[in-house]
Amino acid sequence: MQEIERFFGNLFSGIINRFKYSAMDAADRKMRETIDDQIEQRQQKPKPEDREDRE
């Protein structure tokens, strides 16, 4: 009986951990994409000081 409980406990904890780590990876990926997008937007915008120097 304990072997069966241990088997299902390991099975369910493995499934839960897989979902948990998948969700963490997805959140990490989304955070990195957002940061990369913000960096790109800031690099594309000319700084106000740069515009004054050109005039």
PDB file of N, CA and C in Angstrom:
ATOM      1  N   MET A   1       0.827  -1.200   0.000  1.00  0.00           N
ATOM      2  CA  MET A   1       0.000   0.000   0.000  1.00  0.00           C
ATOM      3  C   MET A   1       0.866   1.257   0.000  1.00  0.00           C
ATOM      4  N   GLN A   2       1.923   1.251   0.787  1.00  0.00           N
ATOM      5  CA  GLN A   2       2.808   2.412   0.829  1.00  0.00           C
ATOM      6  C   GLN A   2       3.515   2.612  -0.506  1.00  0.00           C
ATOM      7  N   GLU A   3       3.838   1.513  -1.174  1.00  0.00           N
ATOM      8  CA  GLU A   3       4.495   1.631  -2.478  1.00  0.00           C
ATOM      9  C   GLU A   3       3.570   2.310  -3.483  1.00  0.00           C
ATOM     10  N   ILE A   4       2.286   1.976  -3.434  1.00  0.00           N
ATOM     11  CA  ILE A   4       1.317   2.593  -4.344  1.00  0.00           C
ATOM     12  C   ILE A   4       1.188   4.089  -4.038  1.00  0.00           C
ATOM     13  N   GLU A   5       1.099   4.420  -2.747  1.00  0.00           N
ATOM     14  CA  GLU A   5       1.009   5.829  -2.361  1.00  0.00           C
ATOM     15  C   GLU A   5       2.251   6.585  -2.793  1.00  0.00           C
ATOM     16  N   ARG A   6       3.407   5.987  -2.614  1.00  0.00           N
ATOM     17  CA  ARG A   6       4.662   6.616  -3.001  1.00  0.00           C
ATOM     18  C   ARG A   6       4.715   6.815  -4.520  1.00  0.00           C
ATOM     19  N   PHE A   7       4.269   5.806  -5.270  1.00  0.00           N
ATOM     20  CA  PHE A   7       4.268   5.892  -6.726  1.00  0.00           C
ATOM     21  C   PHE A   7       3.405   7.053  -7.209  1.00  0.00           C
ATOM     22  N   PHE A   8       2.158   7.112  -6.709  1.00  0.00           N
ATOM     23  CA  PHE A   8       1.263   8.183  -7.150  1.00  0.00           C
ATOM     24  C   PHE A   8       1.721   9.539  -6.629  1.00  0.00           C
ATOM     25  N   GLY A   9       2.284   9.559  -5.429  1.00  0.00           N
ATOM     26  CA  GLY A   9       2.814  10.819  -4.899  1.00  0.00           C
ATOM     27  C   GLY A   9       3.940  11.346  -5.772  1.00  0.00           C
ATOM     28  N   ASN A  10       4.848  10.458  -6.160  1.00  0.00           N
ATOM     29  CA  ASN A  10       5.948  10.874  -7.036  1.00  0.00           C
ATOM     30  C   ASN A  10       5.433  11.281  -8.407  1.00  0.00           C
ATOM     31  N   LEU A  11       4.465  10.537  -8.908  1.00  0.00           N
ATOM     32  CA  LEU A  11       3.902  10.844 -10.223  1.00  0.00           C
ATOM     33  C   LEU A  11       3.262  12.234 -10.225  1.00  0.00           C
ATOM     34  N   PHE A  12       2.412  12.497  -9.237  1.00  0.00           N
ATOM     35  CA  PHE A  12       1.729  13.789  -9.189  1.00  0.00           C
ATOM     36  C   PHE A  12       2.689  14.926  -8.898  1.00  0.00           C
ATOM     37  N   SER A  13       3.653  14.712  -8.018  1.00  0.00           N
ATOM     38  CA  SER A  13       4.599  15.799  -7.744  1.00  0.00           C
ATOM     39  C   SER A  13       5.455  16.080  -8.975  1.00  0.00           C
ATOM     40  N   GLY A  14       5.776  15.036  -9.746  1.00  0.00           N
ATOM     41  CA  GLY A  14       6.525  15.248 -10.985  1.00  0.00           C
ATOM     42  C   GLY A  14       5.731  16.046 -11.990  1.00  0.00           C
ATOM     43  N   ILE A  15       4.452  15.744 -12.110  1.00  0.00           N
ATOM     44  CA  ILE A  15       3.588  16.483 -13.045  1.00  0.00           C
ATOM     45  C   ILE A  15       3.437  17.932 -12.588  1.00  0.00           C
ATOM     46  N   ILE A  16       3.216  18.122 -11.302  1.00  0.00           N
ATOM     47  CA  ILE A  16       3.048  19.481 -10.770  1.00  0.00           C
ATOM     48  C   ILE A  16       4.333  20.279 -10.963  1.00  0.00           C
ATOM     49  N   ASN A  17       5.482  19.661 -10.694  1.00  0.00           N
ATOM     50  CA  ASN A  17       6.756  20.369 -10.869  1.00  0.00           C
ATOM     51  C   ASN A  17       6.976  20.734 -12.329  1.00  0.00           C
ATOM     52  N   ARG A  18       6.596  19.850 -13.237  1.00  0.00           N
ATOM     53  CA  ARG A  18       6.763  20.151 -14.658  1.00  0.00           C
ATOM     54  C   ARG A  18       5.919  21.363 -15.046  1.00  0.00           C
ATOM     55  N   PHE A  19       4.664  21.415 -14.585  1.00  0.00           N
ATOM     56  CA  PHE A  19       3.822  22.576 -14.884  1.00  0.00           C
ATOM     57  C   PHE A  19       4.382  23.836 -14.237  1.00  0.00           C
ATOM     58  N   LYS A  20       4.858  23.689 -12.994  1.00  0.00           N
ATOM     59  CA  LYS A  20       5.384  24.846 -12.282  1.00  0.00           C
ATOM     60  C   LYS A  20       6.598  25.409 -13.012  1.00  0.00           C
ATOM     61  N   TYR A  21       7.525  24.540 -13.413  1.00  0.00           N
ATOM     62  CA  TYR A  21       8.721  25.014 -14.103  1.00  0.00           C
ATOM     63  C   TYR A  21       8.390  25.528 -15.492  1.00  0.00           C
ATOM     64  N   SER A  22       7.402  24.955 -16.156  1.00  0.00           N
ATOM     65  CA  SER A  22       6.982  25.473 -17.460  1.00  0.00           C
ATOM     66  C   SER A  22       6.418  26.882 -17.302  1.00  0.00           C
ATOM     67  N   ALA A  23       5.623  27.088 -16.279  1.00  0.00           N
ATOM     68  CA  ALA A  23       5.054  28.414 -16.030  1.00  0.00           C
ATOM     69  C   ALA A  23       6.158  29.410 -15.680  1.00  0.00           C
ATOM     70  N   MET A  24       7.127  28.972 -14.879  1.00  0.00           N
ATOM     71  CA  MET A  24       8.241  29.852 -14.530  1.00  0.00           C
ATOM     72  C   MET A  24       9.061  30.207 -15.762  1.00  0.00           C
ATOM     73  N   ASP A  25       9.305  29.229 -16.627  1.00  0.00           N
ATOM     74  CA  ASP A  25      10.049  29.493 -17.866  1.00  0.00           C
ATOM     75  C   ASP A  25       9.287  30.460 -18.758  1.00  0.00           C
ATOM     76  N   ALA A  26       7.995  30.279 -18.860  1.00  0.00           N
ATOM     77  CA  ALA A  26       7.181  31.168 -19.695  1.00  0.00           C
ATOM     78  C   ALA A  26       7.208  32.595 -19.137  1.00  0.00           C
ATOM     79  N   ALA A  27       7.102  32.727 -17.827  1.00  0.00           N
ATOM     80  CA  ALA A  27       7.135  34.048 -17.203  1.00  0.00           C
ATOM     81  C   ALA A  27       8.500  34.689 -17.399  1.00  0.00           C
ATOM     82  N   ASP A  28       9.563  33.906 -17.260  1.00  0.00           N
ATOM     83  CA  ASP A  28      10.921  34.417 -17.457  1.00  0.00           C
ATOM     84  C   ASP A  28      11.121  34.865 -18.895  1.00  0.00           C
ATOM     85  N   ARG A  29      10.633  34.056 -19.844  1.00  0.00           N
ATOM     86  CA  ARG A  29      10.755  34.398 -21.265  1.00  0.00           C
ATOM     87  C   ARG A  29      10.006  35.691 -21.564  1.00  0.00           C
ATOM     88  N   LYS A  30       8.783  35.825 -21.030  1.00  0.00           N
ATOM     89  CA  LYS A  30       7.974  37.019 -21.261  1.00  0.00           C
ATOM     90  C   LYS A  30       8.651  38.248 -20.664  1.00  0.00           C
ATOM     91  N   MET A  31       9.229  38.109 -19.472  1.00  0.00           N
ATOM     92  CA  MET A  31       9.904  39.223 -18.829  1.00  0.00           C
ATOM     93  C   MET A  31      11.106  39.667 -19.672  1.00  0.00           C
ATOM     94  N   ARG A  32      11.882  38.705 -20.173  1.00  0.00           N
ATOM     95  CA  ARG A  32      13.044  39.056 -20.998  1.00  0.00           C
ATOM     96  C   ARG A  32      12.615  39.723 -22.300  1.00  0.00           C
ATOM     97  N   GLU A  33      11.535  39.251 -22.916  1.00  0.00           N
ATOM     98  CA  GLU A  33      11.035  39.875 -24.140  1.00  0.00           C
ATOM     99  C   GLU A  33      10.592  41.306 -23.874  1.00  0.00           C
ATOM    100  N   THR A  34       9.920  41.523 -22.761  1.00  0.00           N
ATOM    101  CA  THR A  34       9.457  42.864 -22.411  1.00  0.00           C
ATOM    102  C   THR A  34      10.646  43.798 -22.193  1.00  0.00           C
ATOM    103  N   ILE A  35      11.645  43.320 -21.486  1.00  0.00           N
ATOM    104  CA  ILE A  35      12.840  44.141 -21.244  1.00  0.00           C
ATOM    105  C   ILE A  35      13.543  44.442 -22.564  1.00  0.00           C
ATOM    106  N   ASP A  36      13.678  43.446 -23.427  1.00  0.00           N
ATOM    107  CA  ASP A  36      14.314  43.661 -24.727  1.00  0.00           C
ATOM    108  C   ASP A  36      13.534  44.674 -25.552  1.00  0.00           C
ATOM    109  N   ASP A  37      12.209  44.587 -25.534  1.00  0.00           N
ATOM    110  CA  ASP A  37      11.379  45.542 -26.274  1.00  0.00           C
ATOM    111  C   ASP A  37      11.576  46.957 -25.739  1.00  0.00           C
ATOM    112  N   GLN A  38      11.637  47.098 -24.422  1.00  0.00           N
ATOM    113  CA  GLN A  38      11.821  48.428 -23.839  1.00  0.00           C
ATOM    114  C   GLN A  38      13.184  48.993 -24.198  1.00  0.00           C
ATOM    115  N   ILE A  39      14.209  48.150 -24.201  1.00  0.00           N
ATOM    116  CA  ILE A  39      15.551  48.597 -24.577  1.00  0.00           C
ATOM    117  C   ILE A  39      15.563  49.052 -26.034  1.00  0.00           C
ATOM    118  N   GLU A  40      14.917  48.292 -26.915  1.00  0.00           N
ATOM    119  CA  GLU A  40      14.851  48.671 -28.328  1.00  0.00           C
ATOM    120  C   GLU A  40      14.124  49.997 -28.513  1.00  0.00           C
ATOM    121  N   GLN A  41      13.024  50.189 -27.790  1.00  0.00           N
ATOM    122  CA  GLN A  41      12.270  51.437 -27.909  1.00  0.00           C
ATOM    123  C   GLN A  41      13.104  52.621 -27.446  1.00  0.00           C
ATOM    124  N   ARG A  42      13.851  52.458 -26.385  1.00  0.00           N
ATOM    125  CA  ARG A  42      14.671  53.561 -25.876  1.00  0.00           C
ATOM    126  C   ARG A  42      15.833  53.854 -26.814  1.00  0.00           C
ATOM    127  N   GLN A  43      16.373  52.839 -27.464  1.00  0.00           N
ATOM    128  CA  GLN A  43      17.475  53.060 -28.391  1.00  0.00           C
ATOM    129  C   GLN A  43      16.987  53.738 -29.662  1.00  0.00           C
ATOM    130  N   GLN A  44      15.752  53.501 -30.064  1.00  0.00           N
ATOM    131  CA  GLN A  44      15.224  54.095 -31.288  1.00  0.00           C
ATOM    132  C   GLN A  44      14.850  55.566 -31.095  1.00  0.00           C
ATOM    133  N   LYS A  45      14.460  55.932 -29.888  1.00  0.00           N
ATOM    134  CA  LYS A  45      14.066  57.320 -29.632  1.00  0.00           C
ATOM    135  C   LYS A  45      15.327  58.174 -29.509  1.00  0.00           C
ATOM    136  N   PRO A  46      15.413  59.276 -30.255  1.00  0.00           N
ATOM    137  CA  PRO A  46      16.573  60.166 -30.057  1.00  0.00           C
ATOM    138  C   PRO A  46      16.438  60.901 -28.729  1.00  0.00           C
ATOM    139  N   LYS A  47      17.546  61.081 -28.062  1.00  0.00           N
ATOM    140  CA  LYS A  47      17.517  61.785 -26.785  1.00  0.00           C
ATOM    141  C   LYS A  47      17.333  63.276 -27.038  1.00  0.00           C
ATOM    142  N   PRO A  48      16.673  64.000 -26.136  1.00  0.00           N
ATOM    143  CA  PRO A  48      16.475  65.449 -26.331  1.00  0.00           C
ATOM    144  C   PRO A  48      17.797  66.197 -26.475  1.00  0.00           C
ATOM    145  N   GLU A  49      18.839  65.795 -25.752  1.00  0.00           N
ATOM    146  CA  GLU A  49      20.133  66.466 -25.846  1.00  0.00           C
ATOM    147  C   GLU A  49      20.720  66.299 -27.242  1.00  0.00           C
ATOM    148  N   ASP A  50      20.508  65.128 -27.841  1.00  0.00           N
ATOM    149  CA  ASP A  50      21.039  64.864 -29.170  1.00  0.00           C
ATOM    150  C   ASP A  50      20.409  65.802 -30.194  1.00  0.00           C
ATOM    151  N   ARG A  51      19.107  66.062 -30.079  1.00  0.00           N
ATOM    152  CA  ARG A  51      18.426  66.938 -31.028  1.00  0.00           C
ATOM    153  C   ARG A  51      18.959  68.371 -30.925  1.00  0.00           C
ATOM    154  N   GLU A  52      19.231  68.826 -29.703  1.00  0.00           N
ATOM    155  CA  GLU A  52      19.739  70.195 -29.523  1.00  0.00           C
ATOM    156  C   GLU A  52      21.143  70.310 -30.098  1.00  0.00           C
ATOM    157  N   ASP A  53      21.956  69.293 -29.970  1.00  0.00           N
ATOM    158  CA  ASP A  53      23.312  69.331 -30.491  1.00  0.00           C
ATOM    159  C   ASP A  53      23.316  69.400 -32.011  1.00  0.00           C
ATOM    160  N   ARG A  54      22.370  68.789 -32.665  1.00  0.00           N
ATOM    161  CA  ARG A  54      22.336  68.764 -34.122  1.00  0.00           C
ATOM    162  C   ARG A  54      21.934  70.124 -34.701  1.00  0.00           C
ATOM    163  N   GLU A  55      21.141  70.899 -33.971  1.00  0.00           N
ATOM    164  CA  GLU A  55      20.640  72.179 -34.489  1.00  0.00           C
ATOM    165  C   GLU A  55      21.672  73.222 -34.432  1.00  0.00           C
TER     166      GLU A  55
END
